[in-house]
Amino acid sequence: MPLTLLTRADCSACATARADLARICAEIGIDYAEVDVDRAADDGDPTVRAEFGDRLPVLLLDGEEHSYWEIDEPRLRADLGQRDG
């Protein structure tokens, strides 16, 4: 999955980013994955929480950090266009 949104429960910024990303992805016609960093840590993989947990939400594009705290919509659309075009 090229887009992954890293979040945690009860995070209002995460909820906003989720809504923004869902809207953008629906318009473009692509999907994204969402990973709760606390749940991943509880399930035995603490690496994403250790790496990104202090600046959630974080959007990963092809596994690389693309933006954090909010979705950088113009940059995301441009990067997705470059990837697809």
PDB file of N, CA and C in Angstrom:
ATOM      1  N   MET A   1       0.861  -1.185   0.000  1.00  0.00           N
ATOM      2  CA  MET A   1       0.000   0.000   0.000  1.00  0.00           C
ATOM      3  C   MET A   1       0.897   1.233   0.000  1.00  0.00           C
ATOM      4  N   PRO A   2       0.741   2.092  -0.968  1.00  0.00           N
ATOM      5  CA  PRO A   2       1.624   3.261  -1.030  1.00  0.00           C
ATOM      6  C   PRO A   2       1.349   4.306   0.047  1.00  0.00           C
ATOM      7  N   LEU A   3       0.113   4.427   0.528  1.00  0.00           N
ATOM      8  CA  LEU A   3      -0.220   5.427   1.541  1.00  0.00           C
ATOM      9  C   LEU A   3      -0.585   4.746   2.850  1.00  0.00           C
ATOM     10  N   THR A   4       0.069   5.185   3.931  1.00  0.00           N
ATOM     11  CA  THR A   4      -0.229   4.671   5.257  1.00  0.00           C
ATOM     12  C   THR A   4      -0.339   5.848   6.210  1.00  0.00           C
ATOM     13  N   LEU A   5      -1.442   5.916   6.925  1.00  0.00           N
ATOM     14  CA  LEU A   5      -1.654   6.956   7.921  1.00  0.00           C
ATOM     15  C   LEU A   5      -1.405   6.352   9.294  1.00  0.00           C
ATOM     16  N   LEU A   6      -0.441   6.907  10.019  1.00  0.00           N
ATOM     17  CA  LEU A   6      -0.130   6.464  11.376  1.00  0.00           C
ATOM     18  C   LEU A   6      -0.903   7.330  12.355  1.00  0.00           C
ATOM     19  N   THR A   7      -1.642   6.677  13.245  1.00  0.00           N
ATOM     20  CA  THR A   7      -2.532   7.384  14.154  1.00  0.00           C
ATOM     21  C   THR A   7      -2.473   6.762  15.544  1.00  0.00           C
ATOM     22  N   ARG A   8      -3.300   7.316  16.440  1.00  0.00           N
ATOM     23  CA  ARG A   8      -3.577   6.684  17.732  1.00  0.00           C
ATOM     24  C   ARG A   8      -4.994   7.054  18.126  1.00  0.00           C
ATOM     25  N   ALA A   9      -5.564   6.248  19.010  1.00  0.00           N
ATOM     26  CA  ALA A   9      -6.933   6.471  19.465  1.00  0.00           C
ATOM     27  C   ALA A   9      -7.035   7.798  20.211  1.00  0.00           C
ATOM     28  N   ASP A  10      -8.201   8.408  20.150  1.00  0.00           N
ATOM     29  CA  ASP A  10      -8.505   9.650  20.871  1.00  0.00           C
ATOM     30  C   ASP A  10      -7.586  10.808  20.502  1.00  0.00           C
ATOM     31  N   CYS A  11      -7.157  10.846  19.261  1.00  0.00           N
ATOM     32  CA  CYS A  11      -6.282  11.917  18.760  1.00  0.00           C
ATOM     33  C   CYS A  11      -7.107  12.749  17.783  1.00  0.00           C
ATOM     34  N   SER A  12      -7.424  13.989  18.168  1.00  0.00           N
ATOM     35  CA  SER A  12      -8.274  14.813  17.310  1.00  0.00           C
ATOM     36  C   SER A  12      -7.570  15.196  16.010  1.00  0.00           C
ATOM     37  N   ALA A  13      -6.269  15.419  16.071  1.00  0.00           N
ATOM     38  CA  ALA A  13      -5.528  15.720  14.840  1.00  0.00           C
ATOM     39  C   ALA A  13      -5.537  14.514  13.909  1.00  0.00           C
ATOM     40  N   CYS A  14      -5.490  13.310  14.486  1.00  0.00           N
ATOM     41  CA  CYS A  14      -5.555  12.088  13.679  1.00  0.00           C
ATOM     42  C   CYS A  14      -6.908  11.968  12.990  1.00  0.00           C
ATOM     43  N   ALA A  15      -7.970  12.308  13.692  1.00  0.00           N
ATOM     44  CA  ALA A  15      -9.306  12.247  13.110  1.00  0.00           C
ATOM     45  C   ALA A  15      -9.433  13.226  11.943  1.00  0.00           C
ATOM     46  N   THR A  16      -8.884  14.409  12.095  1.00  0.00           N
ATOM     47  CA  THR A  16      -8.909  15.400  11.013  1.00  0.00           C
ATOM     48  C   THR A  16      -8.109  14.910   9.818  1.00  0.00           C
ATOM     49  N   ALA A  17      -6.924  14.386  10.068  1.00  0.00           N
ATOM     50  CA  ALA A  17      -6.082  13.878   8.982  1.00  0.00           C
ATOM     51  C   ALA A  17      -6.764  12.717   8.273  1.00  0.00           C
ATOM     52  N   ARG A  18      -7.406  11.837   9.036  1.00  0.00           N
ATOM     53  CA  ARG A  18      -8.126  10.693   8.458  1.00  0.00           C
ATOM     54  C   ARG A  18      -9.228  11.184   7.513  1.00  0.00           C
ATOM     55  N   ALA A  19      -9.992  12.166   7.950  1.00  0.00           N
ATOM     56  CA  ALA A  19     -11.069  12.703   7.115  1.00  0.00           C
ATOM     57  C   ALA A  19     -10.516  13.347   5.850  1.00  0.00           C
ATOM     58  N   ASP A  20      -9.450  14.122   5.998  1.00  0.00           N
ATOM     59  CA  ASP A  20      -8.840  14.768   4.830  1.00  0.00           C
ATOM     60  C   ASP A  20      -8.301  13.731   3.851  1.00  0.00           C
ATOM     61  N   LEU A  21      -7.590  12.734   4.386  1.00  0.00           N
ATOM     62  CA  LEU A  21      -7.012  11.720   3.517  1.00  0.00           C
ATOM     63  C   LEU A  21      -8.090  10.884   2.838  1.00  0.00           C
ATOM     64  N   ALA A  22      -9.142  10.550   3.555  1.00  0.00           N
ATOM     65  CA  ALA A  22     -10.242   9.787   2.965  1.00  0.00           C
ATOM     66  C   ALA A  22     -10.875  10.552   1.806  1.00  0.00           C
ATOM     67  N   ARG A  23     -11.063  11.846   1.997  1.00  0.00           N
ATOM     68  CA  ARG A  23     -11.635  12.686   0.925  1.00  0.00           C
ATOM     69  C   ARG A  23     -10.714  12.717  -0.297  1.00  0.00           C
ATOM     70  N   ILE A  24      -9.438  12.961  -0.070  1.00  0.00           N
ATOM     71  CA  ILE A  24      -8.471  13.044  -1.171  1.00  0.00           C
ATOM     72  C   ILE A  24      -8.398  11.713  -1.913  1.00  0.00           C
ATOM     73  N   CYS A  25      -8.296  10.631  -1.169  1.00  0.00           N
ATOM     74  CA  CYS A  25      -8.188   9.309  -1.790  1.00  0.00           C
ATOM     75  C   CYS A  25      -9.440   8.956  -2.571  1.00  0.00           C
ATOM     76  N   ALA A  26     -10.603   9.327  -2.059  1.00  0.00           N
ATOM     77  CA  ALA A  26     -11.849   9.071  -2.782  1.00  0.00           C
ATOM     78  C   ALA A  26     -11.871   9.836  -4.100  1.00  0.00           C
ATOM     79  N   GLU A  27     -11.401  11.070  -4.068  1.00  0.00           N
ATOM     80  CA  GLU A  27     -11.373  11.873  -5.295  1.00  0.00           C
ATOM     81  C   GLU A  27     -10.411  11.304  -6.333  1.00  0.00           C
ATOM     82  N   ILE A  28      -9.285  10.784  -5.857  1.00  0.00           N
ATOM     83  CA  ILE A  28      -8.263  10.256  -6.759  1.00  0.00           C
ATOM     84  C   ILE A  28      -8.564   8.814  -7.162  1.00  0.00           C
ATOM     85  N   GLY A  29      -9.299   8.113  -6.314  1.00  0.00           N
ATOM     86  CA  GLY A  29      -9.622   6.723  -6.596  1.00  0.00           C
ATOM     87  C   GLY A  29      -8.569   5.740  -6.108  1.00  0.00           C
ATOM     88  N   ILE A  30      -7.953   6.037  -4.964  1.00  0.00           N
ATOM     89  CA  ILE A  30      -6.966   5.131  -4.386  1.00  0.00           C
ATOM     90  C   ILE A  30      -7.341   4.834  -2.935  1.00  0.00           C
ATOM     91  N   ASP A  31      -6.726   3.817  -2.382  1.00  0.00           N
ATOM     92  CA  ASP A  31      -6.951   3.431  -1.000  1.00  0.00           C
ATOM     93  C   ASP A  31      -5.748   3.807  -0.148  1.00  0.00           C
ATOM     94  N   TYR A  32      -5.951   3.740   1.154  1.00  0.00           N
ATOM     95  CA  TYR A  32      -4.842   3.930   2.086  1.00  0.00           C
ATOM     96  C   TYR A  32      -5.030   2.973   3.254  1.00  0.00           C
ATOM     97  N   ALA A  33      -3.939   2.704   3.942  1.00  0.00           N
ATOM     98  CA  ALA A  33      -3.976   1.878   5.147  1.00  0.00           C
ATOM     99  C   ALA A  33      -3.825   2.792   6.347  1.00  0.00           C
ATOM    100  N   GLU A  34      -4.350   2.340   7.476  1.00  0.00           N
ATOM    101  CA  GLU A  34      -4.189   3.097   8.719  1.00  0.00           C
ATOM    102  C   GLU A  34      -3.604   2.173   9.775  1.00  0.00           C
ATOM    103  N   VAL A  35      -2.605   2.676  10.494  1.00  0.00           N
ATOM    104  CA  VAL A  35      -1.960   1.907  11.550  1.00  0.00           C
ATOM    105  C   VAL A  35      -2.027   2.711  12.837  1.00  0.00           C
ATOM    106  N   ASP A  36      -2.626   2.112  13.863  1.00  0.00           N
ATOM    107  CA  ASP A  36      -2.618   2.691  15.209  1.00  0.00           C
ATOM    108  C   ASP A  36      -1.289   2.292  15.841  1.00  0.00           C
ATOM    109  N   VAL A  37      -0.429   3.262  16.103  1.00  0.00           N
ATOM    110  CA  VAL A  37       0.927   2.963  16.574  1.00  0.00           C
ATOM    111  C   VAL A  37       0.928   2.314  17.953  1.00  0.00           C
ATOM    112  N   ASP A  38      -0.047   2.650  18.795  1.00  0.00           N
ATOM    113  CA  ASP A  38      -0.113   2.046  20.124  1.00  0.00           C
ATOM    114  C   ASP A  38      -0.562   0.586  20.026  1.00  0.00           C
ATOM    115  N   ARG A  39      -1.522   0.316  19.169  1.00  0.00           N
ATOM    116  CA  ARG A  39      -1.967  -1.064  18.970  1.00  0.00           C
ATOM    117  C   ARG A  39      -0.842  -1.899  18.371  1.00  0.00           C
ATOM    118  N   ALA A  40      -0.108  -1.333  17.403  1.00  0.00           N
ATOM    119  CA  ALA A  40       1.019  -2.063  16.812  1.00  0.00           C
ATOM    120  C   ALA A  40       2.060  -2.404  17.880  1.00  0.00           C
ATOM    121  N   ALA A  41       2.333  -1.461  18.776  1.00  0.00           N
ATOM    122  CA  ALA A  41       3.290  -1.717  19.855  1.00  0.00           C
ATOM    123  C   ALA A  41       2.779  -2.801  20.797  1.00  0.00           C
ATOM    124  N   ASP A  42       1.496  -2.736  21.137  1.00  0.00           N
ATOM    125  CA  ASP A  42       0.902  -3.762  22.003  1.00  0.00           C
ATOM    126  C   ASP A  42       0.938  -5.134  21.345  1.00  0.00           C
ATOM    127  N   ASP A  43       0.891  -5.165  20.009  1.00  0.00           N
ATOM    128  CA  ASP A  43       0.923  -6.422  19.271  1.00  0.00           C
ATOM    129  C   ASP A  43       2.351  -6.903  18.994  1.00  0.00           C
ATOM    130  N   GLY A  44       3.346  -6.216  19.566  1.00  0.00           N
ATOM    131  CA  GLY A  44       4.723  -6.688  19.457  1.00  0.00           C
ATOM    132  C   GLY A  44       5.618  -5.930  18.512  1.00  0.00           C
ATOM    133  N   ASP A  45       5.127  -4.853  17.892  1.00  0.00           N
ATOM    134  CA  ASP A  45       5.963  -4.066  16.979  1.00  0.00           C
ATOM    135  C   ASP A  45       6.031  -2.617  17.468  1.00  0.00           C
ATOM    136  N   PRO A  46       6.974  -2.326  18.366  1.00  0.00           N
ATOM    137  CA  PRO A  46       7.073  -0.976  18.919  1.00  0.00           C
ATOM    138  C   PRO A  46       7.804   0.017  18.011  1.00  0.00           C
ATOM    139  N   THR A  47       8.281  -0.417  16.856  1.00  0.00           N
ATOM    140  CA  THR A  47       9.138   0.444  16.040  1.00  0.00           C
ATOM    141  C   THR A  47       8.421   1.677  15.496  1.00  0.00           C
ATOM    142  N   VAL A  48       7.175   1.525  15.018  1.00  0.00           N
ATOM    143  CA  VAL A  48       6.498   2.704  14.454  1.00  0.00           C
ATOM    144  C   VAL A  48       6.171   3.721  15.543  1.00  0.00           C
ATOM    145  N   ARG A  49       5.798   3.256  16.734  1.00  0.00           N
ATOM    146  CA  ARG A  49       5.520   4.202  17.814  1.00  0.00           C
ATOM    147  C   ARG A  49       6.804   4.893  18.260  1.00  0.00           C
ATOM    148  N   ALA A  50       7.895   4.148  18.341  1.00  0.00           N
ATOM    149  CA  ALA A  50       9.170   4.744  18.741  1.00  0.00           C
ATOM    150  C   ALA A  50       9.636   5.784  17.723  1.00  0.00           C
ATOM    151  N   GLU A  51       9.435   5.496  16.442  1.00  0.00           N
ATOM    152  CA  GLU A  51       9.900   6.393  15.384  1.00  0.00           C
ATOM    153  C   GLU A  51       8.994   7.609  15.185  1.00  0.00           C
ATOM    154  N   PHE A  52       7.678   7.406  15.210  1.00  0.00           N
ATOM    155  CA  PHE A  52       6.750   8.453  14.800  1.00  0.00           C
ATOM    156  C   PHE A  52       5.778   8.917  15.880  1.00  0.00           C
ATOM    157  N   GLY A  53       5.753   8.268  17.032  1.00  0.00           N
ATOM    158  CA  GLY A  53       4.726   8.499  18.036  1.00  0.00           C
ATOM    159  C   GLY A  53       4.654   9.892  18.608  1.00  0.00           C
ATOM    160  N   ASP A  54       5.714  10.682  18.489  1.00  0.00           N
ATOM    161  CA  ASP A  54       5.702  12.026  19.057  1.00  0.00           C
ATOM    162  C   ASP A  54       5.202  13.089  18.092  1.00  0.00           C
ATOM    163  N   ARG A  55       4.840  12.700  16.864  1.00  0.00           N
ATOM    164  CA  ARG A  55       4.380  13.704  15.893  1.00  0.00           C
ATOM    165  C   ARG A  55       3.190  13.215  15.071  1.00  0.00           C
ATOM    166  N   LEU A  56       2.314  12.468  15.683  1.00  0.00           N
ATOM    167  CA  LEU A  56       1.145  11.933  14.991  1.00  0.00           C
ATOM    168  C   LEU A  56       0.108  13.010  14.710  1.00  0.00           C
ATOM    169  N   PRO A  57      -0.648  12.864  13.661  1.00  0.00           N
ATOM    170  CA  PRO A  57      -0.610  11.815  12.666  1.00  0.00           C
ATOM    171  C   PRO A  57       0.567  11.988  11.710  1.00  0.00           C
ATOM    172  N   VAL A  58       1.000  10.881  11.144  1.00  0.00           N
ATOM    173  CA  VAL A  58       2.071  10.876  10.149  1.00  0.00           C
ATOM    174  C   VAL A  58       1.554  10.144   8.923  1.00  0.00           C
ATOM    175  N   LEU A  59       1.789  10.729   7.756  1.00  0.00           N
ATOM    176  CA  LEU A  59       1.441  10.084   6.501  1.00  0.00           C
ATOM    177  C   LEU A  59       2.712   9.554   5.859  1.00  0.00           C
ATOM    178  N   LEU A  60       2.706   8.262   5.543  1.00  0.00           N
ATOM    179  CA  LEU A  60       3.820   7.639   4.830  1.00  0.00           C
ATOM    180  C   LEU A  60       3.411   7.416   3.387  1.00  0.00           C
ATOM    181  N   LEU A  61       4.280   7.770   2.476  1.00  0.00           N
ATOM    182  CA  LEU A  61       4.079   7.504   1.051  1.00  0.00           C
ATOM    183  C   LEU A  61       5.176   6.544   0.628  1.00  0.00           C
ATOM    184  N   ASP A  62       4.785   5.357   0.211  1.00  0.00           N
ATOM    185  CA  ASP A  62       5.735   4.299  -0.147  1.00  0.00           C
ATOM    186  C   ASP A  62       6.740   4.050   0.972  1.00  0.00           C
ATOM    187  N   GLY A  63       6.253   4.094   2.224  1.00  0.00           N
ATOM    188  CA  GLY A  63       7.084   3.785   3.375  1.00  0.00           C
ATOM    189  C   GLY A  63       7.943   4.923   3.894  1.00  0.00           C
ATOM    190  N   GLU A  64       7.917   6.054   3.220  1.00  0.00           N
ATOM    191  CA  GLU A  64       8.712   7.220   3.625  1.00  0.00           C
ATOM    192  C   GLU A  64       7.803   8.293   4.199  1.00  0.00           C
ATOM    193  N   GLU A  65       8.286   8.992   5.225  1.00  0.00           N
ATOM    194  CA  GLU A  65       7.491  10.056   5.838  1.00  0.00           C
ATOM    195  C   GLU A  65       7.203  11.148   4.827  1.00  0.00           C
ATOM    196  N   HIS A  66       5.936  11.444   4.650  1.00  0.00           N
ATOM    197  CA  HIS A  66       5.514  12.471   3.697  1.00  0.00           C
ATOM    198  C   HIS A  66       5.109  13.749   4.417  1.00  0.00           C
ATOM    199  N   SER A  67       4.294  13.624   5.460  1.00  0.00           N
ATOM    200  CA  SER A  67       3.864  14.792   6.231  1.00  0.00           C
ATOM    201  C   SER A  67       3.470  14.341   7.627  1.00  0.00           C
ATOM    202  N   TYR A  68       3.435  15.287   8.547  1.00  0.00           N
ATOM    203  CA  TYR A  68       3.018  14.971   9.906  1.00  0.00           C
ATOM    204  C   TYR A  68       2.223  16.138  10.474  1.00  0.00           C
ATOM    205  N   TRP A  69       1.414  15.816  11.492  1.00  0.00           N
ATOM    206  CA  TRP A  69       0.482  16.717  12.160  1.00  0.00           C
ATOM    207  C   TRP A  69      -0.715  17.100  11.309  1.00  0.00           C
ATOM    208  N   GLU A  70      -0.550  17.138   9.999  1.00  0.00           N
ATOM    209  CA  GLU A  70      -1.669  17.394   9.088  1.00  0.00           C
ATOM    210  C   GLU A  70      -1.285  16.875   7.709  1.00  0.00           C
ATOM    211  N   ILE A  71      -2.289  16.675   6.875  1.00  0.00           N
ATOM    212  CA  ILE A  71      -2.043  16.219   5.509  1.00  0.00           C
ATOM    213  C   ILE A  71      -1.680  17.432   4.658  1.00  0.00           C
ATOM    214  N   ASP A  72      -0.518  17.377   4.029  1.00  0.00           N
ATOM    215  CA  ASP A  72      -0.086  18.437   3.124  1.00  0.00           C
ATOM    216  C   ASP A  72      -0.717  18.137   1.757  1.00  0.00           C
ATOM    217  N   GLU A  73      -1.958  18.591   1.589  1.00  0.00           N
ATOM    218  CA  GLU A  73      -2.743  18.206   0.410  1.00  0.00           C
ATOM    219  C   GLU A  73      -2.099  18.592  -0.915  1.00  0.00           C
ATOM    220  N   PRO A  74      -1.646  19.837  -1.099  1.00  0.00           N
ATOM    221  CA  PRO A  74      -1.038  20.165  -2.400  1.00  0.00           C
ATOM    222  C   PRO A  74       0.184  19.293  -2.706  1.00  0.00           C
ATOM    223  N   ARG A  75       1.010  19.080  -1.709  1.00  0.00           N
ATOM    224  CA  ARG A  75       2.207  18.257  -1.909  1.00  0.00           C
ATOM    225  C   ARG A  75       1.821  16.801  -2.182  1.00  0.00           C
ATOM    226  N   LEU A  76       0.843  16.284  -1.450  1.00  0.00           N
ATOM    227  CA  LEU A  76       0.409  14.905  -1.669  1.00  0.00           C
ATOM    228  C   LEU A  76      -0.148  14.724  -3.070  1.00  0.00           C
ATOM    229  N   ARG A  77      -1.015  15.618  -3.477  1.00  0.00           N
ATOM    230  CA  ARG A  77      -1.590  15.497  -4.840  1.00  0.00           C
ATOM    231  C   ARG A  77      -0.490  15.560  -5.888  1.00  0.00           C
ATOM    232  N   ALA A  78       0.465  16.458  -5.719  1.00  0.00           N
ATOM    233  CA  ALA A  78       1.558  16.564  -6.671  1.00  0.00           C
ATOM    234  C   ALA A  78       2.403  15.290  -6.682  1.00  0.00           C
ATOM    235  N   ASP A  79       2.723  14.774  -5.510  1.00  0.00           N
ATOM    236  CA  ASP A  79       3.552  13.568  -5.442  1.00  0.00           C
ATOM    237  C   ASP A  79       2.814  12.351  -6.001  1.00  0.00           C
ATOM    238  N   LEU A  80       1.533  12.242  -5.747  1.00  0.00           N
ATOM    239  CA  LEU A  80       0.771  11.133  -6.310  1.00  0.00           C
ATOM    240  C   LEU A  80       0.664  11.265  -7.829  1.00  0.00           C
ATOM    241  N   GLY A  81       0.543  12.476  -8.311  1.00  0.00           N
ATOM    242  CA  GLY A  81       0.491  12.699  -9.753  1.00  0.00           C
ATOM    243  C   GLY A  81       1.799  12.331 -10.425  1.00  0.00           C
ATOM    244  N   GLN A  82       2.915  12.671  -9.790  1.00  0.00           N
ATOM    245  CA  GLN A  82       4.227  12.306 -10.327  1.00  0.00           C
ATOM    246  C   GLN A  82       4.406  10.806 -10.340  1.00  0.00           C
ATOM    247  N   ARG A  83       3.941  10.143  -9.276  1.00  0.00           N
ATOM    248  CA  ARG A  83       4.072   8.697  -9.168  1.00  0.00           C
ATOM    249  C   ARG A  83       3.265   7.985 -10.233  1.00  0.00           C
ATOM    250  N   ASP A  84       2.044   8.509 -10.452  1.00  0.00           N
ATOM    251  CA  ASP A  84       1.155   7.844 -11.400  1.00  0.00           C
ATOM    252  C   ASP A  84       1.401   8.270 -12.842  1.00  0.00           C
ATOM    253  N   GLY A  85       1.997   9.426 -13.017  1.00  0.00           N
ATOM    254  CA  GLY A  85       2.152   9.944 -14.362  1.00  0.00           C
ATOM    255  C   GLY A  85       3.476   9.693 -14.871  1.00  0.00           C
TER     256      GLY A  85
END
